[in-house]
Amino acid sequence: MAEPINLNTANPKELTQLPGIAKNVAYNIASHRKRHGYFTHWEELLQVKEFPDKALAQIKKRARLLPIEGVRPEEFGPRRIRKQHLDRAAKKPKGYTKAIRSTRSSDRLKRSA
């Protein structure tokens, strides 16, 4: 079996070896890590754009969230995500859908007062 991949140090090419991770998602993971800091919990990966949340269980088997060498654990950081935040983010719509357009078109047809 292959060596586990550390998500905090892996480059995009190494990240594509994980199940369900395409090249664009690997680049999104690397840029999210650069902007927001190292990953401390698995749920933080769900904030990455286009991350396949259904593949998280398989990724946990092949990857690790280890601290970086030379960084003390207290500097590595506390958990950045709260459960309430994850619940709130899951309820948001995915974007501008046909249902939203259909509700707004009737507003445009109304006469202004």
C-alpha atoms as a PDB file:
ATOM      1  CA  MET A   1       0.000   0.000   0.000  1.00  0.00           C
ATOM      2  CA  ALA A   2       1.180   3.497  -0.777  1.00  0.00           C
ATOM      3  CA  GLU A   3       2.456   5.910   1.844  1.00  0.00           C
ATOM      4  CA  PRO A   4      -0.307   8.145   3.320  1.00  0.00           C
ATOM      5  CA  ILE A   5      -0.384  11.661   1.875  1.00  0.00           C
ATOM      6  CA  ASN A   6      -0.144  14.615   4.259  1.00  0.00           C
ATOM      7  CA  LEU A   7      -2.742  17.132   3.071  1.00  0.00           C
ATOM      8  CA  ASN A   8      -0.835  20.000   4.691  1.00  0.00           C
ATOM      9  CA  THR A   9       2.365  19.460   2.684  1.00  0.00           C
ATOM     10  CA  ALA A  10       1.250  17.704  -0.508  1.00  0.00           C
ATOM     11  CA  ASN A  11       1.504  19.456  -3.840  1.00  0.00           C
ATOM     12  CA  PRO A  12      -1.389  19.292  -6.347  1.00  0.00           C
ATOM     13  CA  LYS A  13       0.211  16.404  -8.254  1.00  0.00           C
ATOM     14  CA  GLU A  14       0.293  14.278  -5.085  1.00  0.00           C
ATOM     15  CA  LEU A  15      -3.266  15.277  -4.175  1.00  0.00           C
ATOM     16  CA  THR A  16      -4.599  13.917  -7.468  1.00  0.00           C
ATOM     17  CA  GLN A  17      -3.624  10.424  -6.294  1.00  0.00           C
ATOM     18  CA  LEU A  18      -6.409  10.572  -3.704  1.00  0.00           C
ATOM     19  CA  PRO A  19      -9.787   9.046  -4.665  1.00  0.00           C
ATOM     20  CA  GLY A  20     -12.243  11.572  -6.065  1.00  0.00           C
ATOM     21  CA  ILE A  21      -9.703  14.402  -6.351  1.00  0.00           C
ATOM     22  CA  ALA A  22      -9.321  15.814  -9.859  1.00  0.00           C
ATOM     23  CA  LYS A  23      -6.627  18.253 -10.943  1.00  0.00           C
ATOM     24  CA  ASN A  24      -8.797  21.349 -10.461  1.00  0.00           C
ATOM     25  CA  VAL A  25      -9.858  20.234  -6.963  1.00  0.00           C
ATOM     26  CA  ALA A  26      -6.211  19.564  -6.059  1.00  0.00           C
ATOM     27  CA  TYR A  27      -5.305  23.132  -7.048  1.00  0.00           C
ATOM     28  CA  ASN A  28      -8.298  24.411  -5.047  1.00  0.00           C
ATOM     29  CA  ILE A  29      -7.086  22.508  -1.968  1.00  0.00           C
ATOM     30  CA  ALA A  30      -3.565  23.921  -2.306  1.00  0.00           C
ATOM     31  CA  SER A  31      -4.782  27.493  -2.765  1.00  0.00           C
ATOM     32  CA  HIS A  32      -7.270  27.186   0.133  1.00  0.00           C
ATOM     33  CA  ARG A  33      -4.444  25.926   2.328  1.00  0.00           C
ATOM     34  CA  LYS A  34      -2.269  28.880   1.281  1.00  0.00           C
ATOM     35  CA  ARG A  35      -5.007  31.471   1.965  1.00  0.00           C
ATOM     36  CA  HIS A  36      -6.564  30.045   5.147  1.00  0.00           C
ATOM     37  CA  GLY A  37      -3.762  28.080   6.770  1.00  0.00           C
ATOM     38  CA  TYR A  38      -3.196  24.409   7.394  1.00  0.00           C
ATOM     39  CA  PHE A  39      -6.026  21.925   7.791  1.00  0.00           C
ATOM     40  CA  THR A  40      -6.589  20.797  11.369  1.00  0.00           C
ATOM     41  CA  HIS A  41      -9.838  18.796  10.984  1.00  0.00           C
ATOM     42  CA  TRP A  42     -11.378  16.837   8.150  1.00  0.00           C
ATOM     43  CA  GLU A  43     -14.500  19.011   8.054  1.00  0.00           C
ATOM     44  CA  GLU A  44     -12.385  21.961   6.919  1.00  0.00           C
ATOM     45  CA  LEU A  45     -11.916  20.237   3.571  1.00  0.00           C
ATOM     46  CA  LEU A  46     -15.623  20.662   2.920  1.00  0.00           C
ATOM     47  CA  GLN A  47     -15.044  24.422   2.599  1.00  0.00           C
ATOM     48  CA  VAL A  48     -12.811  23.893  -0.435  1.00  0.00           C
ATOM     49  CA  LYS A  49     -14.550  24.816  -3.674  1.00  0.00           C
ATOM     50  CA  GLU A  50     -15.793  21.772  -5.669  1.00  0.00           C
ATOM     51  CA  PHE A  51     -14.570  19.313  -3.000  1.00  0.00           C
ATOM     52  CA  PRO A  52     -16.358  15.935  -3.345  1.00  0.00           C
ATOM     53  CA  ASP A  53     -17.893  15.548   0.108  1.00  0.00           C
ATOM     54  CA  LYS A  54     -19.016  11.982  -0.679  1.00  0.00           C
ATOM     55  CA  ALA A  55     -15.391  10.914  -1.152  1.00  0.00           C
ATOM     56  CA  LEU A  56     -14.273  12.196   2.264  1.00  0.00           C
ATOM     57  CA  ALA A  57     -14.494   8.765   3.915  1.00  0.00           C
ATOM     58  CA  GLN A  58     -12.232   7.223   1.264  1.00  0.00           C
ATOM     59  CA  ILE A  59      -9.816  10.138   1.446  1.00  0.00           C
ATOM     60  CA  LYS A  60      -9.472   9.703   5.222  1.00  0.00           C
ATOM     61  CA  LYS A  61      -8.105   6.188   4.608  1.00  0.00           C
ATOM     62  CA  ARG A  62      -5.382   7.393   2.222  1.00  0.00           C
ATOM     63  CA  ALA A  63      -4.441  10.793   3.694  1.00  0.00           C
ATOM     64  CA  ARG A  64      -3.334  12.344   6.973  1.00  0.00           C
ATOM     65  CA  LEU A  65      -3.627  15.787   8.571  1.00  0.00           C
ATOM     66  CA  LEU A  66      -0.219  15.946  10.205  1.00  0.00           C
ATOM     67  CA  PRO A  67       1.426  19.126  11.535  1.00  0.00           C
ATOM     68  CA  ILE A  68       4.275  20.603   9.571  1.00  0.00           C
ATOM     69  CA  GLU A  69       7.841  19.865  10.712  1.00  0.00           C
ATOM     70  CA  GLY A  70       9.238  22.672  12.819  1.00  0.00           C
ATOM     71  CA  VAL A  71       5.785  24.010  13.779  1.00  0.00           C
ATOM     72  CA  ARG A  72       4.703  23.477  17.358  1.00  0.00           C
ATOM     73  CA  PRO A  73       1.223  21.937  17.823  1.00  0.00           C
ATOM     74  CA  GLU A  74      -0.107  25.024  19.595  1.00  0.00           C
ATOM     75  CA  GLU A  75       0.965  27.158  16.612  1.00  0.00           C
ATOM     76  CA  PHE A  76      -0.748  24.749  14.253  1.00  0.00           C
ATOM     77  CA  GLY A  77      -4.029  26.221  15.365  1.00  0.00           C
ATOM     78  CA  PRO A  78      -7.339  25.297  16.950  1.00  0.00           C
ATOM     79  CA  ARG A  79     -10.355  24.030  15.093  1.00  0.00           C
ATOM     80  CA  ARG A  80     -11.627  26.798  12.823  1.00  0.00           C
ATOM     81  CA  ILE A  81     -15.063  25.394  12.005  1.00  0.00           C
ATOM     82  CA  ARG A  82     -18.077  25.137  14.243  1.00  0.00           C
ATOM     83  CA  LYS A  83     -20.910  22.701  13.629  1.00  0.00           C
ATOM     84  CA  GLN A  84     -23.399  25.566  13.317  1.00  0.00           C
ATOM     85  CA  HIS A  85     -21.355  27.006  10.465  1.00  0.00           C
ATOM     86  CA  LEU A  86     -21.399  23.712   8.585  1.00  0.00           C
ATOM     87  CA  ASP A  87     -25.175  23.398   9.013  1.00  0.00           C
ATOM     88  CA  ARG A  88     -25.724  26.953   7.814  1.00  0.00           C
ATOM     89  CA  ALA A  89     -23.448  26.491   4.791  1.00  0.00           C
ATOM     90  CA  ALA A  90     -25.218  23.275   3.799  1.00  0.00           C
ATOM     91  CA  LYS A  91     -28.567  25.061   3.590  1.00  0.00           C
ATOM     92  CA  LYS A  92     -27.393  27.731   1.137  1.00  0.00           C
ATOM     93  CA  PRO A  93     -28.510  27.379  -2.480  1.00  0.00           C
ATOM     94  CA  LYS A  94     -25.897  26.278  -4.991  1.00  0.00           C
ATOM     95  CA  GLY A  95     -26.316  29.322  -7.194  1.00  0.00           C
ATOM     96  CA  TYR A  96     -28.654  31.070  -9.510  1.00  0.00           C
ATOM     97  CA  THR A  97     -31.049  28.239 -10.377  1.00  0.00           C
ATOM     98  CA  LYS A  98     -34.025  28.035 -12.684  1.00  0.00           C
ATOM     99  CA  ALA A  99     -36.369  28.102  -9.694  1.00  0.00           C
ATOM    100  CA  ILE A 100     -34.928  31.418  -8.536  1.00  0.00           C
ATOM    101  CA  ARG A 101     -35.192  32.883 -12.051  1.00  0.00           C
ATOM    102  CA  SER A 102     -38.828  31.835 -12.382  1.00  0.00           C
ATOM    103  CA  THR A 103     -39.785  33.524  -9.117  1.00  0.00           C
ATOM    104  CA  ARG A 104     -38.044  36.728 -10.083  1.00  0.00           C
ATOM    105  CA  SER A 105     -39.435  36.997 -13.593  1.00  0.00           C
ATOM    106  CA  SER A 106     -42.915  37.639 -12.217  1.00  0.00           C
ATOM    107  CA  ASP A 107     -41.503  40.526 -10.184  1.00  0.00           C
ATOM    108  CA  ARG A 108     -40.113  42.118 -13.346  1.00  0.00           C
ATOM    109  CA  LEU A 109     -43.480  41.919 -15.078  1.00  0.00           C
ATOM    110  CA  LYS A 110     -45.284  43.806 -12.318  1.00  0.00           C
ATOM    111  CA  ARG A 111     -46.028  47.424 -12.973  1.00  0.00           C
ATOM    112  CA  SER A 112     -44.240  49.910 -10.776  1.00  0.00           C
ATOM    113  CA  ALA A 113     -46.359  52.112  -8.523  1.00  0.00           C
END
